[in-house]
C-alpha atoms as a PDB file:
ATOM      1  CA  MET A   1      95.327-131.391 -69.145  1.00  0.00           C
ATOM      2  CA  GLU A   2      92.528-131.664 -66.605  1.00  0.00           C
ATOM      3  CA  ILE A   3      88.925-132.584 -67.341  1.00  0.00           C
ATOM      4  CA  ILE A   4      86.124-131.569 -64.977  1.00  0.00           C
ATOM      5  CA  PHE A   5      82.902-133.511 -64.485  1.00  0.00           C
ATOM      6  CA  GLU A   6      79.787-132.060 -62.928  1.00  0.00           C
ATOM      7  CA  VAL A   7      78.269-134.776 -60.731  1.00  0.00           C
ATOM      8  CA  ARG A   8      74.698-134.700 -59.440  1.00  0.00           C
ATOM      9  CA  ASP A   9      72.309-137.072 -57.722  1.00  0.00           C
ATOM     10  CA  ALA A  10      70.126-138.934 -60.220  1.00  0.00           C
ATOM     11  CA  GLU A  11      66.381-138.702 -59.561  1.00  0.00           C
ATOM     12  CA  GLU A  12      66.023-142.482 -59.704  1.00  0.00           C
ATOM     13  CA  GLY A  13      68.989-142.990 -57.379  1.00  0.00           C
ATOM     14  CA  GLY A  14      72.722-143.073 -57.899  1.00  0.00           C
ATOM     15  CA  PHE A  15      74.667-140.364 -59.705  1.00  0.00           C
ATOM     16  CA  TRP A  16      75.152-138.903 -63.159  1.00  0.00           C
ATOM     17  CA  ALA A  17      78.226-137.088 -64.421  1.00  0.00           C
ATOM     18  CA  ARG A  18      78.880-134.901 -67.452  1.00  0.00           C
ATOM     19  CA  ALA A  19      82.150-133.430 -68.606  1.00  0.00           C
ATOM     20  CA  LEU A  20      82.334-129.665 -68.928  1.00  0.00           C
ATOM     21  CA  GLY A  21      83.338-128.713 -72.468  1.00  0.00           C
ATOM     22  CA  HIS A  22      83.230-132.276 -73.799  1.00  0.00           C
ATOM     23  CA  SER A  23      80.427-134.584 -74.865  1.00  0.00           C
ATOM     24  CA  ILE A  24      81.023-137.207 -72.177  1.00  0.00           C
ATOM     25  CA  PHE A  25      78.168-138.417 -69.981  1.00  0.00           C
ATOM     26  CA  THR A  26      77.868-141.421 -67.687  1.00  0.00           C
ATOM     27  CA  GLN A  27      75.966-142.625 -64.645  1.00  0.00           C
ATOM     28  CA  ALA A  28      76.269-145.184 -61.864  1.00  0.00           C
ATOM     29  CA  GLU A  29      74.535-146.440 -58.741  1.00  0.00           C
ATOM     30  CA  ILE A  30      77.393-145.909 -56.272  1.00  0.00           C
ATOM     31  CA  TRP A  31      80.280-143.439 -56.042  1.00  0.00           C
ATOM     32  CA  ASP A  32      83.103-145.955 -56.613  1.00  0.00           C
ATOM     33  CA  GLU A  33      81.340-147.269 -59.704  1.00  0.00           C
ATOM     34  CA  LEU A  34      80.885-143.695 -60.966  1.00  0.00           C
ATOM     35  CA  ARG A  35      84.615-143.044 -60.612  1.00  0.00           C
ATOM     36  CA  ALA A  36      85.378-146.115 -62.730  1.00  0.00           C
ATOM     37  CA  MET A  37      82.704-145.195 -65.307  1.00  0.00           C
ATOM     38  CA  VAL A  38      84.082-141.645 -65.614  1.00  0.00           C
ATOM     39  CA  GLN A  39      87.595-142.995 -66.196  1.00  0.00           C
ATOM     40  CA  ASP A  40      86.347-145.458 -68.831  1.00  0.00           C
ATOM     41  CA  ALA A  41      84.215-142.851 -70.610  1.00  0.00           C
ATOM     42  CA  THR A  42      87.086-140.353 -70.638  1.00  0.00           C
ATOM     43  CA  SER A  43      89.493-142.959 -71.964  1.00  0.00           C
ATOM     44  CA  LEU A  44      87.123-143.881 -74.784  1.00  0.00           C
ATOM     45  CA  HIS A  45      86.402-140.248 -75.655  1.00  0.00           C
ATOM     46  CA  PHE A  46      90.105-139.401 -76.007  1.00  0.00           C
ATOM     47  CA  GLU A  47      91.084-142.767 -77.523  1.00  0.00           C
ATOM     48  CA  ASP A  48      92.361-141.311 -80.820  1.00  0.00           C
ATOM     49  CA  ASN A  49      93.544-138.010 -79.375  1.00  0.00           C
ATOM     50  CA  PRO A  50      97.264-137.716 -78.588  1.00  0.00           C
ATOM     51  CA  GLU A  51      96.450-135.209 -75.829  1.00  0.00           C
ATOM     52  CA  GLN A  52      94.969-137.317 -73.030  1.00  0.00           C
ATOM     53  CA  PRO A  53      93.789-135.774 -69.743  1.00  0.00           C
ATOM     54  CA  THR A  54      96.223-136.339 -66.891  1.00  0.00           C
ATOM     55  CA  MET A  55      93.690-135.495 -64.177  1.00  0.00           C
ATOM     56  CA  ILE A  56      89.929-135.953 -63.758  1.00  0.00           C
ATOM     57  CA  GLN A  57      88.094-133.720 -61.298  1.00  0.00           C
ATOM     58  CA  LEU A  58      84.659-134.723 -60.017  1.00  0.00           C
ATOM     59  CA  HIS A  59      82.712-131.666 -58.911  1.00  0.00           C
ATOM     60  CA  TYR A  60      79.758-132.945 -56.853  1.00  0.00           C
ATOM     61  CA  ILE A  61      76.769-130.603 -56.723  1.00  0.00           C
ATOM     62  CA  LYS A  62      73.986-131.307 -54.276  1.00  0.00           C
ATOM     63  CA  ASP A  63      70.724-129.384 -54.548  1.00  0.00           C
ATOM     64  CA  GLU A  64      68.817-129.077 -51.318  1.00  0.00           C
ATOM     65  CA  LEU A  65      65.610-127.199 -50.661  1.00  0.00           C
ATOM     66  CA  ILE A  66      64.985-126.034 -47.108  1.00  0.00           C
ATOM     67  CA  PRO A  67      61.472-124.840 -46.286  1.00  0.00           C
ATOM     68  CA  VAL A  68      61.312-121.631 -44.284  1.00  0.00           C
ATOM     69  CA  ARG A  69      58.379-120.967 -42.001  1.00  0.00           C
ATOM     70  CA  ALA A  70      56.694-117.605 -42.420  1.00  0.00           C
ATOM     71  CA  ALA A  71      57.073-115.406 -39.360  1.00  0.00           C
END
């Protein structure tokens, strides 16, 4: 079983991540910390479930606005 997290930049800095299809949310200041937080949050969420995820996918989404000059 694989669980997918949508990861975005937090407005105040760092990152936030939320699991798709599960009520798991976490945040961190740096990427390595986010990876650890996602693993911990997933472990806690599935603590009493015999079917644990075997893979966690972090899907990083970066929004960027590019101004276009009028011709």
